[in-house]
Each structure stands twice: as structure tokens, then as C-alpha cells.
Amino acid sequence: MNTPTLWFKRKIYGWGWRPVTWQGWFTLLVYIVLLLACVSTLNNNSSPREVAVMGLLPLIILTSALIRICYKKGEKPHWQWGRKDDAR
């Protein structure tokens, strides 16, 4: 049986994912580069409309895409506080 490699694993503390393969790290790098490219066009003279279109809209779209990729290529997320095998 050929099981797919997970790009993202659950975080040990809290809710969410962390990249564990080069594909996961590359996905995160692309997310950051695209977000910075959009935001770098803004300056102190930018209108509120320009801030919304070049700042907030890309943030919402790119973050939604990243979360969707993490759901598809990662472990099922849930809240956890520490490792399951920790005996306390």
C-alpha cells in the first residue's frame, strides 16, 4: 500500500500545522513571497482602496489557499497540548 507523504504535520501545541517536507517549506515560502510582493507596492501615500485591494484582499485569498493546501496535504488538525505519548 502506497501512503502519500504528508507535507504538513499537526503542531505539538495549539491548533494548526508545521511544514515537514521540502514541498511544505516551499509552499510556505511561496505564500510569504507572494504576500510580500503585494504589500511592497503600498506606501504612506496609498489610498484606503489601494490598501484593501493590494493588502487585505491578497492576504485573505493567499491565506485561504494556504489553509486549503494544509488540509489537503497535511494531518487532520485538532487542538492539542503536548505529545500524545507524554506521560504526565
PDB file of N, CA and C in Angstrom:
ATOM      1  N   MET A   1       0.840  -1.179   0.000  1.00  0.00           N
ATOM      2  CA  MET A   1       0.000   0.000   0.000  1.00  0.00           C
ATOM      3  C   MET A   1       0.886   1.245   0.000  1.00  0.00           C
ATOM      4  N   ASN A   2       0.621   2.153  -0.891  1.00  0.00           N
ATOM      5  CA  ASN A   2       1.434   3.355  -1.035  1.00  0.00           C
ATOM      6  C   ASN A   2       0.733   4.529  -0.353  1.00  0.00           C
ATOM      7  N   THR A   3       1.236   4.930   0.805  1.00  0.00           N
ATOM      8  CA  THR A   3       0.630   6.052   1.524  1.00  0.00           C
ATOM      9  C   THR A   3       1.294   7.353   1.083  1.00  0.00           C
ATOM     10  N   PRO A   4       0.510   8.399   0.877  1.00  0.00           N
ATOM     11  CA  PRO A   4       1.085   9.681   0.445  1.00  0.00           C
ATOM     12  C   PRO A   4       1.902  10.327   1.570  1.00  0.00           C
ATOM     13  N   THR A   5       2.959  11.022   1.187  1.00  0.00           N
ATOM     14  CA  THR A   5       3.781  11.738   2.146  1.00  0.00           C
ATOM     15  C   THR A   5       3.075  13.023   2.558  1.00  0.00           C
ATOM     16  N   LEU A   6       3.015  13.266   3.853  1.00  0.00           N
ATOM     17  CA  LEU A   6       2.387  14.480   4.367  1.00  0.00           C
ATOM     18  C   LEU A   6       3.372  15.638   4.279  1.00  0.00           C
ATOM     19  N   TRP A   7       2.920  16.758   3.734  1.00  0.00           N
ATOM     20  CA  TRP A   7       3.746  17.958   3.649  1.00  0.00           C
ATOM     21  C   TRP A   7       3.732  18.716   4.963  1.00  0.00           C
ATOM     22  N   PHE A   8       2.625  18.609   5.699  1.00  0.00           N
ATOM     23  CA  PHE A   8       2.443  19.338   6.951  1.00  0.00           C
ATOM     24  C   PHE A   8       1.989  18.375   8.038  1.00  0.00           C
ATOM     25  N   LYS A   9       2.522  18.551   9.235  1.00  0.00           N
ATOM     26  CA  LYS A   9       2.089  17.768  10.395  1.00  0.00           C
ATOM     27  C   LYS A   9       1.428  18.711  11.391  1.00  0.00           C
ATOM     28  N   ARG A  10       0.611  18.128  12.282  1.00  0.00           N
ATOM     29  CA  ARG A  10      -0.026  18.920  13.333  1.00  0.00           C
ATOM     30  C   ARG A  10       1.023  19.552  14.221  1.00  0.00           C
ATOM     31  N   LYS A  11       0.701  20.743  14.716  1.00  0.00           N
ATOM     32  CA  LYS A  11       1.566  21.372  15.703  1.00  0.00           C
ATOM     33  C   LYS A  11       1.459  20.601  17.012  1.00  0.00           C
ATOM     34  N   ILE A  12       2.508  20.598  17.791  1.00  0.00           N
ATOM     35  CA  ILE A  12       2.506  19.891  19.069  1.00  0.00           C
ATOM     36  C   ILE A  12       1.684  20.659  20.095  1.00  0.00           C
ATOM     37  N   TYR A  13       1.751  21.971  20.035  1.00  0.00           N
ATOM     38  CA  TYR A  13       0.984  22.809  20.959  1.00  0.00           C
ATOM     39  C   TYR A  13       0.063  23.718  20.158  1.00  0.00           C
ATOM     40  N   GLY A  14      -1.225  23.690  20.466  1.00  0.00           N
ATOM     41  CA  GLY A  14      -2.178  24.567  19.797  1.00  0.00           C
ATOM     42  C   GLY A  14      -2.844  23.883  18.629  1.00  0.00           C
ATOM     43  N   TRP A  15      -3.314  24.696  17.669  1.00  0.00           N
ATOM     44  CA  TRP A  15      -4.032  24.206  16.506  1.00  0.00           C
ATOM     45  C   TRP A  15      -3.326  24.703  15.267  1.00  0.00           C
ATOM     46  N   GLY A  16      -3.147  23.841  14.292  1.00  0.00           N
ATOM     47  CA  GLY A  16      -2.529  24.248  13.042  1.00  0.00           C
ATOM     48  C   GLY A  16      -1.505  23.240  12.572  1.00  0.00           C
ATOM     49  N   TRP A  17      -0.690  23.661  11.631  1.00  0.00           N
ATOM     50  CA  TRP A  17       0.279  22.774  11.010  1.00  0.00           C
ATOM     51  C   TRP A  17       1.661  23.396  11.022  1.00  0.00           C
ATOM     52  N   ARG A  18       2.629  22.518  10.757  1.00  0.00           N
ATOM     53  CA  ARG A  18       4.007  22.956  10.550  1.00  0.00           C
ATOM     54  C   ARG A  18       4.557  22.171   9.365  1.00  0.00           C
ATOM     55  N   PRO A  19       5.343  22.799   8.497  1.00  0.00           N
ATOM     56  CA  PRO A  19       5.877  22.085   7.336  1.00  0.00           C
ATOM     57  C   PRO A  19       6.933  21.064   7.765  1.00  0.00           C
ATOM     58  N   VAL A  20       6.926  19.888   7.125  1.00  0.00           N
ATOM     59  CA  VAL A  20       7.895  18.850   7.471  1.00  0.00           C
ATOM     60  C   VAL A  20       8.643  18.303   6.258  1.00  0.00           C
ATOM     61  N   THR A  21       8.221  18.641   5.045  1.00  0.00           N
ATOM     62  CA  THR A  21       8.931  18.213   3.844  1.00  0.00           C
ATOM     63  C   THR A  21       9.329  19.448   3.041  1.00  0.00           C
ATOM     64  N   TRP A  22      10.155  19.224   2.036  1.00  0.00           N
ATOM     65  CA  TRP A  22      10.576  20.369   1.223  1.00  0.00           C
ATOM     66  C   TRP A  22       9.381  20.979   0.502  1.00  0.00           C
ATOM     67  N   GLN A  23       8.385  20.169   0.159  1.00  0.00           N
ATOM     68  CA  GLN A  23       7.196  20.694  -0.511  1.00  0.00           C
ATOM     69  C   GLN A  23       6.418  21.628   0.419  1.00  0.00           C
ATOM     70  N   GLY A  24       6.325  21.255   1.699  1.00  0.00           N
ATOM     71  CA  GLY A  24       5.654  22.107   2.670  1.00  0.00           C
ATOM     72  C   GLY A  24       6.386  23.422   2.873  1.00  0.00           C
ATOM     73  N   TRP A  25       7.713  23.338   3.010  1.00  0.00           N
ATOM     74  CA  TRP A  25       8.505  24.555   3.178  1.00  0.00           C
ATOM     75  C   TRP A  25       8.423  25.437   1.933  1.00  0.00           C
ATOM     76  N   PHE A  26       8.438  24.820   0.752  1.00  0.00           N
ATOM     77  CA  PHE A  26       8.337  25.585  -0.492  1.00  0.00           C
ATOM     78  C   PHE A  26       6.978  26.286  -0.584  1.00  0.00           C
ATOM     79  N   THR A  27       5.913  25.587  -0.201  1.00  0.00           N
ATOM     80  CA  THR A  27       4.571  26.177  -0.202  1.00  0.00           C
ATOM     81  C   THR A  27       4.526  27.392   0.711  1.00  0.00           C
ATOM     82  N   LEU A  28       5.095  27.262   1.895  1.00  0.00           N
ATOM     83  CA  LEU A  28       5.124  28.375   2.848  1.00  0.00           C
ATOM     84  C   LEU A  28       5.965  29.536   2.306  1.00  0.00           C
ATOM     85  N   LEU A  29       7.089  29.231   1.673  1.00  0.00           N
ATOM     86  CA  LEU A  29       7.936  30.274   1.087  1.00  0.00           C
ATOM     87  C   LEU A  29       7.206  31.022  -0.026  1.00  0.00           C
ATOM     88  N   VAL A  30       6.508  30.293  -0.891  1.00  0.00           N
ATOM     89  CA  VAL A  30       5.745  30.929  -1.977  1.00  0.00           C
ATOM     90  C   VAL A  30       4.666  31.835  -1.393  1.00  0.00           C
ATOM     91  N   TYR A  31       3.979  31.376  -0.343  1.00  0.00           N
ATOM     92  CA  TYR A  31       2.952  32.179   0.329  1.00  0.00           C
ATOM     93  C   TYR A  31       3.552  33.499   0.825  1.00  0.00           C
ATOM     94  N   ILE A  32       4.687  33.428   1.488  1.00  0.00           N
ATOM     95  CA  ILE A  32       5.314  34.626   2.051  1.00  0.00           C
ATOM     96  C   ILE A  32       5.784  35.569   0.943  1.00  0.00           C
ATOM     97  N   VAL A  33       6.415  35.027  -0.096  1.00  0.00           N
ATOM     98  CA  VAL A  33       6.922  35.857  -1.195  1.00  0.00           C
ATOM     99  C   VAL A  33       5.774  36.566  -1.917  1.00  0.00           C
ATOM    100  N   LEU A  34       4.692  35.843  -2.209  1.00  0.00           N
ATOM    101  CA  LEU A  34       3.555  36.468  -2.888  1.00  0.00           C
ATOM    102  C   LEU A  34       2.908  37.545  -2.031  1.00  0.00           C
ATOM    103  N   LEU A  35       2.781  37.271  -0.734  1.00  0.00           N
ATOM    104  CA  LEU A  35       2.194  38.261   0.161  1.00  0.00           C
ATOM    105  C   LEU A  35       3.072  39.509   0.258  1.00  0.00           C
ATOM    106  N   LEU A  36       4.375  39.322   0.382  1.00  0.00           N
ATOM    107  CA  LEU A  36       5.295  40.470   0.442  1.00  0.00           C
ATOM    108  C   LEU A  36       5.310  41.248  -0.870  1.00  0.00           C
ATOM    109  N   ALA A  37       5.188  40.550  -1.998  1.00  0.00           N
ATOM    110  CA  ALA A  37       5.159  41.231  -3.297  1.00  0.00           C
ATOM    111  C   ALA A  37       3.940  42.144  -3.406  1.00  0.00           C
ATOM    112  N   CYS A  38       2.808  41.689  -2.907  1.00  0.00           N
ATOM    113  CA  CYS A  38       1.593  42.519  -2.944  1.00  0.00           C
ATOM    114  C   CYS A  38       1.703  43.705  -1.994  1.00  0.00           C
ATOM    115  N   VAL A  39       2.175  43.453  -0.799  1.00  0.00           N
ATOM    116  CA  VAL A  39       2.238  44.503   0.224  1.00  0.00           C
ATOM    117  C   VAL A  39       3.342  45.521  -0.073  1.00  0.00           C
ATOM    118  N   SER A  40       4.388  45.106  -0.787  1.00  0.00           N
ATOM    119  CA  SER A  40       5.501  46.018  -1.065  1.00  0.00           C
ATOM    120  C   SER A  40       5.103  47.160  -1.989  1.00  0.00           C
ATOM    121  N   THR A  41       3.972  47.034  -2.656  1.00  0.00           N
ATOM    122  CA  THR A  41       3.518  48.121  -3.533  1.00  0.00           C
ATOM    123  C   THR A  41       2.872  49.254  -2.751  1.00  0.00           C
ATOM    124  N   LEU A  42       2.599  49.042  -1.477  1.00  0.00           N
ATOM    125  CA  LEU A  42       1.945  50.060  -0.644  1.00  0.00           C
ATOM    126  C   LEU A  42       2.975  50.986  -0.010  1.00  0.00           C
ATOM    127  N   ASN A  43       2.565  52.229   0.209  1.00  0.00           N
ATOM    128  CA  ASN A  43       3.395  53.187   0.928  1.00  0.00           C
ATOM    129  C   ASN A  43       2.491  54.124   1.721  1.00  0.00           C
ATOM    130  N   ASN A  44       3.058  55.161   2.308  1.00  0.00           N
ATOM    131  CA  ASN A  44       2.276  56.091   3.131  1.00  0.00           C
ATOM    132  C   ASN A  44       1.245  56.874   2.334  1.00  0.00           C
ATOM    133  N   ASN A  45       1.444  56.992   1.035  1.00  0.00           N
ATOM    134  CA  ASN A  45       0.517  57.752   0.190  1.00  0.00           C
ATOM    135  C   ASN A  45      -0.571  56.881  -0.438  1.00  0.00           C
ATOM    136  N   SER A  46      -0.622  55.605  -0.091  1.00  0.00           N
ATOM    137  CA  SER A  46      -1.624  54.702  -0.665  1.00  0.00           C
ATOM    138  C   SER A  46      -3.012  55.040  -0.139  1.00  0.00           C
ATOM    139  N   SER A  47      -3.977  55.020  -1.027  1.00  0.00           N
ATOM    140  CA  SER A  47      -5.356  55.286  -0.637  1.00  0.00           C
ATOM    141  C   SER A  47      -5.922  54.077   0.116  1.00  0.00           C
ATOM    142  N   PRO A  48      -6.968  54.283   0.896  1.00  0.00           N
ATOM    143  CA  PRO A  48      -7.589  53.147   1.597  1.00  0.00           C
ATOM    144  C   PRO A  48      -8.064  52.046   0.638  1.00  0.00           C
ATOM    145  N   ARG A  49      -8.521  52.436  -0.519  1.00  0.00           N
ATOM    146  CA  ARG A  49      -8.952  51.442  -1.508  1.00  0.00           C
ATOM    147  C   ARG A  49      -7.772  50.612  -1.996  1.00  0.00           C
ATOM    148  N   GLU A  50      -6.640  51.283  -2.225  1.00  0.00           N
ATOM    149  CA  GLU A  50      -5.439  50.573  -2.665  1.00  0.00           C
ATOM    150  C   GLU A  50      -4.937  49.621  -1.570  1.00  0.00           C
ATOM    151  N   VAL A  51      -5.029  50.043  -0.317  1.00  0.00           N
ATOM    152  CA  VAL A  51      -4.631  49.188   0.799  1.00  0.00           C
ATOM    153  C   VAL A  51      -5.518  47.946   0.849  1.00  0.00           C
ATOM    154  N   ALA A  52      -6.807  48.131   0.622  1.00  0.00           N
ATOM    155  CA  ALA A  52      -7.734  46.995   0.641  1.00  0.00           C
ATOM    156  C   ALA A  52      -7.456  46.030  -0.509  1.00  0.00           C
ATOM    157  N   VAL A  53      -7.222  46.582  -1.700  1.00  0.00           N
ATOM    158  CA  VAL A  53      -7.032  45.733  -2.879  1.00  0.00           C
ATOM    159  C   VAL A  53      -5.651  45.079  -2.897  1.00  0.00           C
ATOM    160  N   MET A  54      -4.618  45.786  -2.506  1.00  0.00           N
ATOM    161  CA  MET A  54      -3.260  45.256  -2.578  1.00  0.00           C
ATOM    162  C   MET A  54      -2.739  44.710  -1.247  1.00  0.00           C
ATOM    163  N   GLY A  55      -3.500  44.883  -0.182  1.00  0.00           N
ATOM    164  CA  GLY A  55      -3.063  44.388   1.117  1.00  0.00           C
ATOM    165  C   GLY A  55      -3.992  43.354   1.695  1.00  0.00           C
ATOM    166  N   LEU A  56      -5.224  43.740   1.940  1.00  0.00           N
ATOM    167  CA  LEU A  56      -6.168  42.837   2.602  1.00  0.00           C
ATOM    168  C   LEU A  56      -6.675  41.719   1.697  1.00  0.00           C
ATOM    169  N   LEU A  57      -7.022  42.045   0.473  1.00  0.00           N
ATOM    170  CA  LEU A  57      -7.548  41.032  -0.441  1.00  0.00           C
ATOM    171  C   LEU A  57      -6.534  39.912  -0.709  1.00  0.00           C
ATOM    172  N   PRO A  58      -5.273  40.227  -1.042  1.00  0.00           N
ATOM    173  CA  PRO A  58      -4.296  39.149  -1.214  1.00  0.00           C
ATOM    174  C   PRO A  58      -4.066  38.350   0.077  1.00  0.00           C
ATOM    175  N   LEU A  59      -4.100  39.026   1.216  1.00  0.00           N
ATOM    176  CA  LEU A  59      -3.934  38.323   2.493  1.00  0.00           C
ATOM    177  C   LEU A  59      -5.031  37.278   2.679  1.00  0.00           C
ATOM    178  N   ILE A  60      -6.263  37.663   2.408  1.00  0.00           N
ATOM    179  CA  ILE A  60      -7.399  36.741   2.564  1.00  0.00           C
ATOM    180  C   ILE A  60      -7.318  35.598   1.549  1.00  0.00           C
ATOM    181  N   ILE A  61      -7.050  35.914   0.302  1.00  0.00           N
ATOM    182  CA  ILE A  61      -7.007  34.884  -0.752  1.00  0.00           C
ATOM    183  C   ILE A  61      -5.839  33.929  -0.539  1.00  0.00           C
ATOM    184  N   LEU A  62      -4.644  34.465  -0.286  1.00  0.00           N
ATOM    185  CA  LEU A  62      -3.468  33.608  -0.117  1.00  0.00           C
ATOM    186  C   LEU A  62      -3.558  32.758   1.147  1.00  0.00           C
ATOM    187  N   THR A  63      -4.076  33.331   2.230  1.00  0.00           N
ATOM    188  CA  THR A  63      -4.213  32.561   3.461  1.00  0.00           C
ATOM    189  C   THR A  63      -5.239  31.457   3.296  1.00  0.00           C
ATOM    190  N   SER A  64      -6.331  31.743   2.607  1.00  0.00           N
ATOM    191  CA  SER A  64      -7.336  30.706   2.333  1.00  0.00           C
ATOM    192  C   SER A  64      -6.731  29.579   1.497  1.00  0.00           C
ATOM    193  N   ALA A  65      -5.940  29.936   0.510  1.00  0.00           N
ATOM    194  CA  ALA A  65      -5.288  28.924  -0.326  1.00  0.00           C
ATOM    195  C   ALA A  65      -4.295  28.095   0.488  1.00  0.00           C
ATOM    196  N   LEU A  66      -3.530  28.743   1.360  1.00  0.00           N
ATOM    197  CA  LEU A  66      -2.561  28.021   2.192  1.00  0.00           C
ATOM    198  C   LEU A  66      -3.276  27.056   3.141  1.00  0.00           C
ATOM    199  N   ILE A  67      -4.353  27.484   3.760  1.00  0.00           N
ATOM    200  CA  ILE A  67      -5.106  26.611   4.666  1.00  0.00           C
ATOM    201  C   ILE A  67      -5.684  25.426   3.900  1.00  0.00           C
ATOM    202  N   ARG A  68      -6.178  25.677   2.713  1.00  0.00           N
ATOM    203  CA  ARG A  68      -6.726  24.589   1.896  1.00  0.00           C
ATOM    204  C   ARG A  68      -5.649  23.571   1.529  1.00  0.00           C
ATOM    205  N   ILE A  69      -4.460  24.048   1.177  1.00  0.00           N
ATOM    206  CA  ILE A  69      -3.352  23.147   0.866  1.00  0.00           C
ATOM    207  C   ILE A  69      -2.952  22.353   2.110  1.00  0.00           C
ATOM    208  N   CYS A  70      -2.913  23.021   3.257  1.00  0.00           N
ATOM    209  CA  CYS A  70      -2.555  22.328   4.504  1.00  0.00           C
ATOM    210  C   CYS A  70      -3.574  21.242   4.839  1.00  0.00           C
ATOM    211  N   TYR A  71      -4.857  21.511   4.631  1.00  0.00           N
ATOM    212  CA  TYR A  71      -5.886  20.496   4.871  1.00  0.00           C
ATOM    213  C   TYR A  71      -5.699  19.299   3.935  1.00  0.00           C
ATOM    214  N   LYS A  72      -5.393  19.593   2.678  1.00  0.00           N
ATOM    215  CA  LYS A  72      -5.285  18.524   1.689  1.00  0.00           C
ATOM    216  C   LYS A  72      -3.996  17.720   1.848  1.00  0.00           C
ATOM    217  N   LYS A  73      -2.896  18.371   2.163  1.00  0.00           N
ATOM    218  CA  LYS A  73      -1.592  17.713   2.199  1.00  0.00           C
ATOM    219  C   LYS A  73      -1.046  17.505   3.610  1.00  0.00           C
ATOM    220  N   GLY A  74      -1.881  17.727   4.623  1.00  0.00           N
ATOM    221  CA  GLY A  74      -1.399  17.583   5.995  1.00  0.00           C
ATOM    222  C   GLY A  74      -2.280  16.685   6.840  1.00  0.00           C
ATOM    223  N   GLU A  75      -1.840  16.485   8.086  1.00  0.00           N
ATOM    224  CA  GLU A  75      -2.625  15.713   9.035  1.00  0.00           C
ATOM    225  C   GLU A  75      -3.898  16.464   9.397  1.00  0.00           C
ATOM    226  N   LYS A  76      -4.872  15.729   9.886  1.00  0.00           N
ATOM    227  CA  LYS A  76      -6.115  16.350  10.335  1.00  0.00           C
ATOM    228  C   LYS A  76      -5.802  17.195  11.574  1.00  0.00           C
ATOM    229  N   PRO A  77      -6.114  18.493  11.556  1.00  0.00           N
ATOM    230  CA  PRO A  77      -5.758  19.338  12.692  1.00  0.00           C
ATOM    231  C   PRO A  77      -6.751  19.193  13.845  1.00  0.00           C
ATOM    232  N   HIS A  78      -6.259  19.343  15.024  1.00  0.00           N
ATOM    233  CA  HIS A  78      -7.097  19.467  16.210  1.00  0.00           C
ATOM    234  C   HIS A  78      -6.260  20.087  17.307  1.00  0.00           C
ATOM    235  N   TRP A  79      -6.936  20.617  18.309  1.00  0.00           N
ATOM    236  CA  TRP A  79      -6.242  21.261  19.409  1.00  0.00           C
ATOM    237  C   TRP A  79      -5.532  20.206  20.237  1.00  0.00           C
ATOM    238  N   GLN A  80      -4.260  20.416  20.513  1.00  0.00           N
ATOM    239  CA  GLN A  80      -3.531  19.516  21.402  1.00  0.00           C
ATOM    240  C   GLN A  80      -2.506  20.317  22.174  1.00  0.00           C
ATOM    241  N   TRP A  81      -2.176  19.799  23.318  1.00  0.00           N
ATOM    242  CA  TRP A  81      -1.221  20.471  24.187  1.00  0.00           C
ATOM    243  C   TRP A  81      -0.173  19.458  24.599  1.00  0.00           C
ATOM    244  N   GLY A  82       0.854  19.318  23.761  1.00  0.00           N
ATOM    245  CA  GLY A  82       1.917  18.351  24.010  1.00  0.00           C
ATOM    246  C   GLY A  82       1.709  17.105  23.189  1.00  0.00           C
ATOM    247  N   ARG A  83       2.664  16.207  23.304  1.00  0.00           N
ATOM    248  CA  ARG A  83       2.593  14.942  22.559  1.00  0.00           C
ATOM    249  C   ARG A  83       1.620  13.999  23.233  1.00  0.00           C
ATOM    250  N   LYS A  84       1.022  13.121  22.433  1.00  0.00           N
ATOM    251  CA  LYS A  84       0.079  12.152  22.979  1.00  0.00           C
ATOM    252  C   LYS A  84       0.771  11.132  23.870  1.00  0.00           C
ATOM    253  N   ASP A  85       2.029  10.802  23.539  1.00  0.00           N
ATOM    254  CA  ASP A  85       2.737   9.773  24.293  1.00  0.00           C
ATOM    255  C   ASP A  85       3.407  10.289  25.562  1.00  0.00           C
ATOM    256  N   ASP A  86       3.297  11.594  25.859  1.00  0.00           N
ATOM    257  CA  ASP A  86       3.849  12.137  27.104  1.00  0.00           C
ATOM    258  C   ASP A  86       3.034  11.651  28.291  1.00  0.00           C
ATOM    259  N   ALA A  87       3.698  10.994  29.230  1.00  0.00           N
ATOM    260  CA  ALA A  87       3.005  10.536  30.453  1.00  0.00           C
ATOM    261  C   ALA A  87       3.264  11.567  31.533  1.00  0.00           C
ATOM    262  N   ARG A  88       2.199  12.216  31.970  1.00  0.00           N
ATOM    263  CA  ARG A  88       2.339  13.254  33.000  1.00  0.00           C
ATOM    264  C   ARG A  88       1.638  12.871  34.235  1.00  0.00           C
TER     265      ARG A  88
END
